[in-house]
Amino acid sequence: MELCRAVDAFLERHPDGTLICDGGEIGQWPQALVRAGRRLINGVSGTIGASIPFAIAAALERPGAPVVAVLGDGTFGFHMAEFDTAVRYRIPFVAVVGNDARWNAEHQIQLRSYGPERTRHCDLLPTRYDAVVQALGGFGVLVTEAAELPAALEAAQASGLPACINVMIASVAAPVIRRPG
């Protein structure tokens, strides 16, 4: 929730910005909690992995307008090499990676179906995705405290580079949203 609050506040300060949400557990949080006039999501049951290419496309469609993609650590691996493309073509966007070192959607399914003793093969390493993006020539920063995220978002946007903010988060289930009526 704290990650989403910071992204929501950032986009409120940048009303011309675009929010990109990926699938999996992490994508459901900003879909529910972040207000943005422009958003591109792949839906609750959408495939994961499209947020980085979506962010590049959104940045090309509206040059100069901020683009914030929220994605998970597992998702980052699908198209991380596209940061190289974005660096080469100078296409700025901000990827906010919720890093819980887990394929959390699958982990939550296993918890519900089998219990905590029988969860298998969902753990990831707490990889420094920010360092990967820096190595490719982009902007990268590691965030370990929620209070650091607002400044990290502004610094990433100000860098004018493809950016990765690697946010260490707790591994929790996505929110359940019920509509009245």
N, C-alpha and C. Protein backbone atom coordinates (compact mmCIF):
# COMPACT_ATOMS: atom_id res chain seq x y z
N MET A 1 0.82 -1.19 0.00
CA MET A 1 0.00 0.00 0.00
C MET A 1 0.87 1.25 0.00
N GLU A 2 1.97 1.20 0.72
CA GLU A 2 2.85 2.37 0.77
C GLU A 2 3.47 2.66 -0.59
N LEU A 3 3.85 1.62 -1.32
CA LEU A 3 4.36 1.79 -2.68
C LEU A 3 3.32 2.49 -3.53
N CYS A 4 2.09 2.05 -3.46
CA CYS A 4 1.01 2.64 -4.27
C CYS A 4 0.71 4.07 -3.84
N ARG A 5 0.79 4.36 -2.55
CA ARG A 5 0.57 5.73 -2.10
C ARG A 5 1.59 6.67 -2.72
N ALA A 6 2.84 6.25 -2.76
CA ALA A 6 3.90 7.09 -3.33
C ALA A 6 3.69 7.28 -4.83
N VAL A 7 3.33 6.22 -5.54
CA VAL A 7 3.08 6.32 -6.98
C VAL A 7 1.87 7.21 -7.23
N ASP A 8 0.82 7.05 -6.43
CA ASP A 8 -0.38 7.87 -6.56
C ASP A 8 -0.04 9.35 -6.37
N ALA A 9 0.73 9.68 -5.34
CA ALA A 9 1.12 11.07 -5.08
C ALA A 9 1.98 11.62 -6.22
N PHE A 10 2.88 10.80 -6.74
CA PHE A 10 3.73 11.22 -7.85
C PHE A 10 2.86 11.57 -9.06
N LEU A 11 1.93 10.69 -9.40
CA LEU A 11 1.08 10.93 -10.56
C LEU A 11 0.12 12.09 -10.33
N GLU A 12 -0.24 12.35 -9.08
CA GLU A 12 -1.06 13.53 -8.79
C GLU A 12 -0.27 14.81 -9.08
N ARG A 13 1.04 14.79 -8.79
CA ARG A 13 1.91 15.95 -9.10
C ARG A 13 2.21 16.04 -10.60
N HIS A 14 2.01 14.94 -11.31
CA HIS A 14 2.27 14.88 -12.76
C HIS A 14 1.00 14.38 -13.45
N PRO A 15 -0.03 15.23 -13.54
CA PRO A 15 -1.32 14.76 -14.07
C PRO A 15 -1.30 14.33 -15.53
N ASP A 16 -0.23 14.66 -16.26
CA ASP A 16 -0.11 14.21 -17.64
C ASP A 16 0.53 12.83 -17.73
N GLY A 17 0.83 12.24 -16.59
CA GLY A 17 1.51 10.95 -16.54
C GLY A 17 0.61 9.78 -16.89
N THR A 18 1.27 8.65 -17.19
CA THR A 18 0.58 7.41 -17.51
C THR A 18 1.01 6.33 -16.52
N LEU A 19 0.05 5.59 -16.02
CA LEU A 19 0.30 4.44 -15.14
C LEU A 19 0.20 3.16 -15.97
N ILE A 20 1.21 2.32 -15.86
CA ILE A 20 1.21 1.00 -16.49
C ILE A 20 1.17 -0.03 -15.35
N CYS A 21 0.26 -0.98 -15.43
CA CYS A 21 0.18 -2.03 -14.41
C CYS A 21 0.37 -3.39 -15.07
N ASP A 22 1.25 -4.18 -14.51
CA ASP A 22 1.47 -5.52 -15.02
C ASP A 22 0.54 -6.49 -14.30
N GLY A 23 0.51 -7.74 -14.76
CA GLY A 23 -0.31 -8.77 -14.14
C GLY A 23 0.32 -9.30 -12.87
N GLY A 24 -0.20 -10.38 -12.36
CA GLY A 24 0.30 -10.95 -11.11
C GLY A 24 -0.23 -10.19 -9.90
N GLU A 25 0.26 -10.54 -8.73
CA GLU A 25 -0.19 -9.90 -7.49
C GLU A 25 0.10 -8.41 -7.49
N ILE A 26 1.31 -8.00 -7.87
CA ILE A 26 1.70 -6.60 -7.75
C ILE A 26 0.81 -5.70 -8.61
N GLY A 27 0.41 -6.14 -9.78
CA GLY A 27 -0.38 -5.30 -10.67
C GLY A 27 -1.76 -4.97 -10.14
N GLN A 28 -2.29 -5.81 -9.28
CA GLN A 28 -3.62 -5.57 -8.75
C GLN A 28 -3.64 -4.43 -7.73
N TRP A 29 -2.52 -4.23 -7.05
CA TRP A 29 -2.44 -3.16 -6.05
C TRP A 29 -2.62 -1.79 -6.68
N PRO A 30 -1.81 -1.40 -7.66
CA PRO A 30 -2.01 -0.06 -8.24
C PRO A 30 -3.32 0.07 -9.01
N GLN A 31 -3.80 -1.03 -9.58
CA GLN A 31 -5.10 -0.96 -10.26
C GLN A 31 -6.18 -0.53 -9.27
N ALA A 32 -6.05 -0.98 -8.02
CA ALA A 32 -7.05 -0.67 -7.00
C ALA A 32 -6.77 0.64 -6.27
N LEU A 33 -5.51 1.04 -6.16
CA LEU A 33 -5.17 2.13 -5.24
C LEU A 33 -4.59 3.39 -5.88
N VAL A 34 -4.19 3.34 -7.13
CA VAL A 34 -3.55 4.50 -7.75
C VAL A 34 -4.52 5.15 -8.73
N ARG A 35 -4.72 6.45 -8.54
CA ARG A 35 -5.55 7.21 -9.48
C ARG A 35 -4.64 7.76 -10.57
N ALA A 36 -5.04 7.60 -11.78
CA ALA A 36 -4.29 8.15 -12.90
C ALA A 36 -5.26 8.39 -14.03
N GLY A 37 -5.15 9.55 -14.66
CA GLY A 37 -6.02 9.86 -15.78
C GLY A 37 -5.78 8.98 -16.98
N ARG A 38 -4.53 8.56 -17.13
CA ARG A 38 -4.15 7.67 -18.23
C ARG A 38 -3.56 6.41 -17.61
N ARG A 39 -4.08 5.28 -18.00
CA ARG A 39 -3.55 4.01 -17.49
C ARG A 39 -3.64 2.95 -18.56
N LEU A 40 -2.70 2.03 -18.48
CA LEU A 40 -2.69 0.89 -19.39
C LEU A 40 -2.46 -0.33 -18.51
N ILE A 41 -3.46 -1.21 -18.49
CA ILE A 41 -3.38 -2.41 -17.67
C ILE A 41 -3.71 -3.62 -18.55
N ASN A 42 -3.28 -4.77 -18.09
CA ASN A 42 -3.63 -5.97 -18.84
C ASN A 42 -4.70 -6.78 -18.14
N GLY A 43 -5.35 -6.20 -17.16
CA GLY A 43 -6.47 -6.84 -16.48
C GLY A 43 -6.03 -7.82 -15.41
N VAL A 44 -6.97 -8.19 -14.58
CA VAL A 44 -6.68 -9.09 -13.46
C VAL A 44 -6.14 -10.42 -13.95
N SER A 45 -6.66 -10.92 -15.04
CA SER A 45 -6.23 -12.21 -15.56
C SER A 45 -5.29 -12.08 -16.75
N GLY A 46 -4.76 -10.89 -16.96
CA GLY A 46 -3.87 -10.67 -18.10
C GLY A 46 -2.54 -11.36 -17.92
N THR A 47 -1.84 -11.50 -19.01
CA THR A 47 -0.52 -12.11 -18.94
C THR A 47 0.45 -11.17 -18.24
N ILE A 48 1.47 -11.74 -17.64
CA ILE A 48 2.47 -10.91 -16.99
C ILE A 48 3.62 -10.68 -17.95
N GLY A 49 4.35 -9.61 -17.71
CA GLY A 49 5.57 -9.35 -18.45
C GLY A 49 5.52 -8.23 -19.45
N ALA A 50 4.36 -7.65 -19.69
CA ALA A 50 4.24 -6.66 -20.76
C ALA A 50 4.53 -5.23 -20.33
N SER A 51 4.73 -4.98 -19.06
CA SER A 51 4.81 -3.59 -18.58
C SER A 51 5.98 -2.81 -19.15
N ILE A 52 7.14 -3.40 -19.30
CA ILE A 52 8.28 -2.64 -19.83
C ILE A 52 8.04 -2.26 -21.29
N PRO A 53 7.65 -3.18 -22.17
CA PRO A 53 7.31 -2.75 -23.54
C PRO A 53 6.14 -1.76 -23.58
N PHE A 54 5.13 -1.96 -22.72
CA PHE A 54 4.02 -1.01 -22.65
C PHE A 54 4.53 0.38 -22.28
N ALA A 55 5.45 0.44 -21.31
CA ALA A 55 5.99 1.73 -20.85
C ALA A 55 6.77 2.43 -21.96
N ILE A 56 7.55 1.67 -22.70
CA ILE A 56 8.29 2.25 -23.83
C ILE A 56 7.31 2.83 -24.85
N ALA A 57 6.27 2.09 -25.18
CA ALA A 57 5.28 2.55 -26.14
C ALA A 57 4.57 3.81 -25.64
N ALA A 58 4.21 3.83 -24.36
CA ALA A 58 3.52 4.99 -23.79
C ALA A 58 4.43 6.22 -23.81
N ALA A 59 5.73 6.03 -23.53
CA ALA A 59 6.67 7.15 -23.55
C ALA A 59 6.86 7.68 -24.97
N LEU A 60 6.85 6.81 -25.94
CA LEU A 60 6.96 7.25 -27.34
C LEU A 60 5.70 7.97 -27.80
N GLU A 61 4.56 7.53 -27.32
CA GLU A 61 3.29 8.12 -27.72
C GLU A 61 3.12 9.54 -27.17
N ARG A 62 3.66 9.81 -25.97
CA ARG A 62 3.55 11.14 -25.36
C ARG A 62 4.90 11.59 -24.84
N PRO A 63 5.81 11.99 -25.71
CA PRO A 63 7.14 12.41 -25.26
C PRO A 63 7.06 13.51 -24.21
N GLY A 64 7.87 13.36 -23.17
CA GLY A 64 7.92 14.35 -22.11
C GLY A 64 6.96 14.10 -20.97
N ALA A 65 5.93 13.32 -21.18
CA ALA A 65 4.98 13.01 -20.11
C ALA A 65 5.50 11.82 -19.30
N PRO A 66 5.44 11.89 -17.99
CA PRO A 66 5.94 10.77 -17.18
C PRO A 66 5.17 9.48 -17.43
N VAL A 67 5.91 8.38 -17.40
CA VAL A 67 5.32 7.04 -17.49
C VAL A 67 5.86 6.25 -16.31
N VAL A 68 4.95 5.69 -15.51
CA VAL A 68 5.33 4.87 -14.37
C VAL A 68 4.73 3.48 -14.56
N ALA A 69 5.59 2.48 -14.63
CA ALA A 69 5.16 1.09 -14.74
C ALA A 69 5.39 0.41 -13.39
N VAL A 70 4.36 -0.23 -12.87
CA VAL A 70 4.49 -0.99 -11.63
C VAL A 70 4.48 -2.46 -12.01
N LEU A 71 5.53 -3.17 -11.63
CA LEU A 71 5.67 -4.58 -11.98
C LEU A 71 6.36 -5.32 -10.85
N GLY A 72 6.28 -6.63 -10.90
CA GLY A 72 6.91 -7.46 -9.90
C GLY A 72 8.30 -7.89 -10.30
N ASP A 73 8.99 -8.46 -9.34
CA ASP A 73 10.37 -8.91 -9.57
C ASP A 73 10.42 -10.07 -10.56
N GLY A 74 9.49 -10.99 -10.50
CA GLY A 74 9.47 -12.08 -11.47
C GLY A 74 9.19 -11.56 -12.86
N THR A 75 8.27 -10.63 -12.95
CA THR A 75 7.90 -10.03 -14.22
C THR A 75 9.07 -9.31 -14.88
N PHE A 76 9.92 -8.68 -14.07
CA PHE A 76 11.05 -7.92 -14.61
C PHE A 76 11.87 -8.77 -15.58
N GLY A 77 12.01 -10.04 -15.29
CA GLY A 77 12.84 -10.92 -16.10
C GLY A 77 12.32 -11.17 -17.51
N PHE A 78 11.03 -10.96 -17.74
CA PHE A 78 10.47 -11.24 -19.06
C PHE A 78 11.06 -10.35 -20.15
N HIS A 79 11.22 -9.06 -19.85
CA HIS A 79 11.65 -8.12 -20.88
C HIS A 79 12.71 -7.15 -20.37
N MET A 80 13.53 -7.57 -19.42
CA MET A 80 14.52 -6.64 -18.87
C MET A 80 15.49 -6.13 -19.91
N ALA A 81 15.76 -6.89 -20.96
CA ALA A 81 16.68 -6.44 -22.00
C ALA A 81 16.13 -5.24 -22.76
N GLU A 82 14.84 -4.98 -22.66
CA GLU A 82 14.27 -3.81 -23.32
C GLU A 82 14.75 -2.51 -22.68
N PHE A 83 15.33 -2.59 -21.48
CA PHE A 83 15.97 -1.40 -20.93
C PHE A 83 17.14 -0.98 -21.82
N ASP A 84 17.83 -1.95 -22.42
CA ASP A 84 18.90 -1.63 -23.37
C ASP A 84 18.34 -0.85 -24.56
N THR A 85 17.21 -1.30 -25.08
CA THR A 85 16.55 -0.59 -26.18
C THR A 85 16.21 0.84 -25.76
N ALA A 86 15.60 0.98 -24.58
CA ALA A 86 15.19 2.30 -24.10
C ALA A 86 16.39 3.22 -23.89
N VAL A 87 17.50 2.68 -23.39
CA VAL A 87 18.72 3.48 -23.22
C VAL A 87 19.25 3.93 -24.57
N ARG A 88 19.36 2.99 -25.51
CA ARG A 88 19.91 3.33 -26.83
C ARG A 88 19.09 4.39 -27.55
N TYR A 89 17.76 4.31 -27.40
CA TYR A 89 16.89 5.26 -28.10
C TYR A 89 16.45 6.42 -27.21
N ARG A 90 17.01 6.49 -26.02
CA ARG A 90 16.73 7.59 -25.08
C ARG A 90 15.22 7.74 -24.82
N ILE A 91 14.62 6.66 -24.38
CA ILE A 91 13.19 6.64 -24.09
C ILE A 91 13.02 6.54 -22.57
N PRO A 92 12.74 7.66 -21.92
CA PRO A 92 12.64 7.63 -20.47
C PRO A 92 11.29 7.11 -19.98
N PHE A 93 11.33 6.32 -18.94
CA PHE A 93 10.15 5.87 -18.19
C PHE A 93 10.66 5.39 -16.84
N VAL A 94 9.76 5.20 -15.91
CA VAL A 94 10.13 4.75 -14.57
C VAL A 94 9.45 3.41 -14.31
N ALA A 95 10.25 2.39 -14.06
CA ALA A 95 9.74 1.08 -13.66
C ALA A 95 9.89 0.97 -12.15
N VAL A 96 8.79 0.77 -11.47
CA VAL A 96 8.79 0.56 -10.02
C VAL A 96 8.60 -0.94 -9.81
N VAL A 97 9.67 -1.60 -9.40
CA VAL A 97 9.65 -3.05 -9.23
C VAL A 97 9.38 -3.38 -7.77
N GLY A 98 8.24 -4.01 -7.51
CA GLY A 98 7.95 -4.52 -6.17
C GLY A 98 8.69 -5.83 -6.00
N ASN A 99 9.73 -5.82 -5.18
CA ASN A 99 10.62 -6.98 -5.05
C ASN A 99 10.38 -7.66 -3.71
N ASP A 100 9.63 -8.77 -3.76
CA ASP A 100 9.43 -9.59 -2.56
C ASP A 100 10.16 -10.92 -2.67
N ALA A 101 11.02 -11.03 -3.67
CA ALA A 101 11.82 -12.24 -3.90
C ALA A 101 10.92 -13.48 -4.01
N ARG A 102 9.82 -13.32 -4.78
CA ARG A 102 8.87 -14.43 -4.87
C ARG A 102 7.95 -14.25 -6.07
N TRP A 103 7.59 -15.37 -6.69
CA TRP A 103 6.48 -15.41 -7.62
C TRP A 103 5.24 -15.43 -6.73
N ASN A 104 4.76 -14.27 -6.33
CA ASN A 104 3.77 -14.21 -5.26
C ASN A 104 2.38 -14.68 -5.67
N ALA A 105 1.98 -14.45 -6.91
CA ALA A 105 0.66 -14.93 -7.32
C ALA A 105 0.58 -16.45 -7.17
N GLU A 106 1.59 -17.14 -7.66
CA GLU A 106 1.62 -18.60 -7.54
C GLU A 106 1.75 -19.04 -6.09
N HIS A 107 2.55 -18.31 -5.33
CA HIS A 107 2.71 -18.61 -3.91
C HIS A 107 1.37 -18.50 -3.18
N GLN A 108 0.60 -17.44 -3.48
CA GLN A 108 -0.70 -17.26 -2.82
C GLN A 108 -1.67 -18.37 -3.21
N ILE A 109 -1.63 -18.80 -4.47
CA ILE A 109 -2.49 -19.91 -4.91
C ILE A 109 -2.12 -21.18 -4.15
N GLN A 110 -0.82 -21.44 -4.04
CA GLN A 110 -0.38 -22.64 -3.31
C GLN A 110 -0.76 -22.56 -1.83
N LEU A 111 -0.64 -21.39 -1.23
CA LEU A 111 -1.05 -21.23 0.17
C LEU A 111 -2.52 -21.58 0.35
N ARG A 112 -3.37 -21.04 -0.51
CA ARG A 112 -4.81 -21.29 -0.42
C ARG A 112 -5.14 -22.75 -0.69
N SER A 113 -4.47 -23.35 -1.66
CA SER A 113 -4.82 -24.71 -2.09
C SER A 113 -4.20 -25.80 -1.22
N TYR A 114 -2.98 -25.56 -0.75
CA TYR A 114 -2.24 -26.65 -0.09
C TYR A 114 -1.74 -26.34 1.30
N GLY A 115 -1.75 -25.07 1.70
CA GLY A 115 -1.23 -24.69 3.01
C GLY A 115 0.24 -24.34 2.96
N PRO A 116 0.75 -23.67 4.00
CA PRO A 116 2.13 -23.16 3.99
C PRO A 116 3.20 -24.25 3.93
N GLU A 117 2.89 -25.45 4.36
CA GLU A 117 3.89 -26.51 4.35
C GLU A 117 4.15 -27.06 2.95
N ARG A 118 3.25 -26.77 2.02
CA ARG A 118 3.37 -27.36 0.68
C ARG A 118 3.54 -26.34 -0.44
N THR A 119 4.03 -25.15 -0.12
CA THR A 119 4.34 -24.19 -1.19
C THR A 119 5.68 -24.58 -1.79
N ARG A 120 5.78 -24.54 -3.10
CA ARG A 120 6.98 -25.01 -3.78
C ARG A 120 7.38 -24.09 -4.94
N HIS A 121 8.68 -23.89 -5.07
CA HIS A 121 9.31 -23.31 -6.26
C HIS A 121 8.80 -21.92 -6.63
N CYS A 122 8.46 -21.13 -5.64
CA CYS A 122 7.99 -19.77 -5.90
C CYS A 122 9.01 -18.72 -5.46
N ASP A 123 10.05 -19.14 -4.78
CA ASP A 123 11.02 -18.17 -4.26
C ASP A 123 11.98 -17.72 -5.36
N LEU A 124 12.32 -16.44 -5.29
CA LEU A 124 13.31 -15.83 -6.15
C LEU A 124 14.41 -15.25 -5.26
N LEU A 125 15.46 -14.78 -5.87
CA LEU A 125 16.50 -14.08 -5.13
C LEU A 125 16.11 -12.61 -5.00
N PRO A 126 16.57 -11.93 -3.95
CA PRO A 126 16.30 -10.49 -3.84
C PRO A 126 17.25 -9.70 -4.74
N THR A 127 17.11 -9.92 -6.03
CA THR A 127 18.02 -9.40 -7.04
C THR A 127 18.00 -7.87 -7.09
N ARG A 128 19.15 -7.30 -7.39
CA ARG A 128 19.29 -5.85 -7.52
C ARG A 128 18.96 -5.44 -8.96
N TYR A 129 17.67 -5.38 -9.28
CA TYR A 129 17.23 -5.00 -10.61
C TYR A 129 17.66 -3.58 -10.96
N ASP A 130 17.75 -2.73 -9.96
CA ASP A 130 18.25 -1.37 -10.16
C ASP A 130 19.67 -1.39 -10.69
N ALA A 131 20.50 -2.30 -10.19
CA ALA A 131 21.89 -2.41 -10.64
C ALA A 131 21.97 -2.92 -12.08
N VAL A 132 21.03 -3.80 -12.46
CA VAL A 132 20.97 -4.29 -13.83
C VAL A 132 20.72 -3.11 -14.78
N VAL A 133 19.76 -2.28 -14.44
CA VAL A 133 19.42 -1.13 -15.28
C VAL A 133 20.58 -0.13 -15.32
N GLN A 134 21.23 0.09 -14.19
CA GLN A 134 22.42 0.97 -14.17
C GLN A 134 23.50 0.42 -15.10
N ALA A 135 23.71 -0.88 -15.07
CA ALA A 135 24.74 -1.49 -15.91
C ALA A 135 24.44 -1.30 -17.39
N LEU A 136 23.16 -1.18 -17.74
CA LEU A 136 22.77 -0.95 -19.12
C LEU A 136 22.82 0.53 -19.50
N GLY A 137 23.06 1.40 -18.54
CA GLY A 137 23.15 2.83 -18.80
C GLY A 137 21.96 3.64 -18.35
N GLY A 138 21.03 3.01 -17.66
CA GLY A 138 19.86 3.71 -17.16
C GLY A 138 20.06 4.19 -15.73
N PHE A 139 19.00 4.69 -15.14
CA PHE A 139 19.00 5.16 -13.76
C PHE A 139 18.46 4.04 -12.88
N GLY A 140 19.11 3.75 -11.78
CA GLY A 140 18.64 2.73 -10.88
C GLY A 140 18.84 3.14 -9.44
N VAL A 141 17.87 2.78 -8.60
CA VAL A 141 17.98 3.05 -7.17
C VAL A 141 17.25 1.94 -6.40
N LEU A 142 17.84 1.56 -5.29
CA LEU A 142 17.24 0.57 -4.38
C LEU A 142 16.51 1.31 -3.27
N VAL A 143 15.27 0.93 -3.00
CA VAL A 143 14.48 1.52 -1.93
C VAL A 143 14.15 0.42 -0.92
N THR A 144 14.55 0.65 0.32
CA THR A 144 14.27 -0.33 1.38
C THR A 144 13.31 0.22 2.44
N GLU A 145 13.03 1.51 2.40
CA GLU A 145 12.10 2.14 3.34
C GLU A 145 11.09 2.96 2.54
N ALA A 146 9.83 2.86 2.92
CA ALA A 146 8.76 3.56 2.19
C ALA A 146 9.02 5.06 2.08
N ALA A 147 9.62 5.64 3.09
CA ALA A 147 9.87 7.08 3.09
C ALA A 147 10.85 7.50 1.99
N GLU A 148 11.63 6.56 1.47
CA GLU A 148 12.60 6.87 0.41
C GLU A 148 11.95 6.94 -0.98
N LEU A 149 10.79 6.37 -1.13
CA LEU A 149 10.20 6.21 -2.46
C LEU A 149 9.79 7.53 -3.14
N PRO A 150 9.17 8.50 -2.46
CA PRO A 150 8.82 9.73 -3.16
C PRO A 150 10.04 10.43 -3.79
N ALA A 151 11.13 10.53 -3.06
CA ALA A 151 12.34 11.16 -3.62
C ALA A 151 12.92 10.33 -4.75
N ALA A 152 12.84 9.01 -4.63
CA ALA A 152 13.36 8.13 -5.69
C ALA A 152 12.55 8.31 -6.97
N LEU A 153 11.24 8.44 -6.86
CA LEU A 153 10.40 8.66 -8.05
C LEU A 153 10.77 9.98 -8.73
N GLU A 154 10.92 11.03 -7.95
CA GLU A 154 11.28 12.34 -8.53
C GLU A 154 12.67 12.29 -9.17
N ALA A 155 13.63 11.63 -8.51
CA ALA A 155 14.99 11.54 -9.06
C ALA A 155 15.00 10.73 -10.35
N ALA A 156 14.23 9.65 -10.37
CA ALA A 156 14.15 8.82 -11.58
C ALA A 156 13.57 9.62 -12.73
N GLN A 157 12.49 10.35 -12.48
CA GLN A 157 11.88 11.17 -13.52
C GLN A 157 12.84 12.26 -13.99
N ALA A 158 13.50 12.92 -13.04
CA ALA A 158 14.42 14.01 -13.37
C ALA A 158 15.65 13.53 -14.14
N SER A 159 16.00 12.25 -14.00
CA SER A 159 17.20 11.74 -14.68
C SER A 159 17.06 11.78 -16.19
N GLY A 160 15.85 11.72 -16.71
CA GLY A 160 15.63 11.69 -18.15
C GLY A 160 16.05 10.38 -18.79
N LEU A 161 16.29 9.37 -17.97
CA LEU A 161 16.74 8.06 -18.45
C LEU A 161 15.67 7.00 -18.20
N PRO A 162 15.75 5.87 -18.89
CA PRO A 162 14.96 4.73 -18.46
C PRO A 162 15.40 4.38 -17.04
N ALA A 163 14.45 4.22 -16.14
CA ALA A 163 14.78 4.12 -14.72
C ALA A 163 14.12 2.91 -14.08
N CYS A 164 14.82 2.36 -13.10
CA CYS A 164 14.30 1.25 -12.31
C CYS A 164 14.43 1.59 -10.84
N ILE A 165 13.30 1.62 -10.15
CA ILE A 165 13.29 1.76 -8.71
C ILE A 165 12.95 0.40 -8.15
N ASN A 166 13.92 -0.23 -7.52
CA ASN A 166 13.79 -1.59 -6.98
C ASN A 166 13.34 -1.45 -5.53
N VAL A 167 12.06 -1.72 -5.27
CA VAL A 167 11.47 -1.50 -3.95
C VAL A 167 11.30 -2.84 -3.24
N MET A 168 11.98 -3.00 -2.13
CA MET A 168 11.85 -4.21 -1.34
C MET A 168 10.51 -4.15 -0.59
N ILE A 169 9.65 -5.13 -0.85
CA ILE A 169 8.30 -5.12 -0.27
C ILE A 169 8.02 -6.43 0.46
N ALA A 170 6.97 -6.41 1.26
CA ALA A 170 6.50 -7.62 1.93
C ALA A 170 5.74 -8.46 0.92
N SER A 171 5.77 -9.76 1.10
CA SER A 171 5.05 -10.68 0.22
C SER A 171 3.66 -10.93 0.80
N VAL A 172 2.68 -10.19 0.26
CA VAL A 172 1.30 -10.32 0.75
C VAL A 172 0.36 -10.49 -0.44
N ALA A 173 -0.81 -11.00 -0.16
CA ALA A 173 -1.81 -11.19 -1.21
C ALA A 173 -2.35 -9.86 -1.70
N ALA A 174 -2.76 -9.82 -2.95
CA ALA A 174 -3.36 -8.62 -3.53
C ALA A 174 -4.66 -8.29 -2.82
N PRO A 175 -5.07 -7.02 -2.89
CA PRO A 175 -6.32 -6.63 -2.20
C PRO A 175 -7.54 -7.22 -2.91
N VAL A 176 -8.56 -7.44 -2.13
CA VAL A 176 -9.85 -7.86 -2.67
C VAL A 176 -10.72 -6.63 -2.73
N ILE A 177 -11.16 -6.27 -3.91
CA ILE A 177 -12.00 -5.09 -4.09
C ILE A 177 -13.40 -5.55 -4.41
N ARG A 178 -14.34 -5.06 -3.63
CA ARG A 178 -15.73 -5.40 -3.87
C ARG A 178 -16.46 -4.11 -4.26
N ARG A 179 -17.15 -4.16 -5.36
CA ARG A 179 -17.93 -3.00 -5.81
C ARG A 179 -19.32 -3.07 -5.18
N PRO A 180 -19.82 -1.90 -4.76
CA PRO A 180 -21.17 -1.89 -4.17
C PRO A 180 -22.21 -2.33 -5.21
N GLY A 181 -23.19 -3.03 -4.73
CA GLY A 181 -24.26 -3.25 -5.54
C GLY A 181 -24.76 -4.37 -6.16
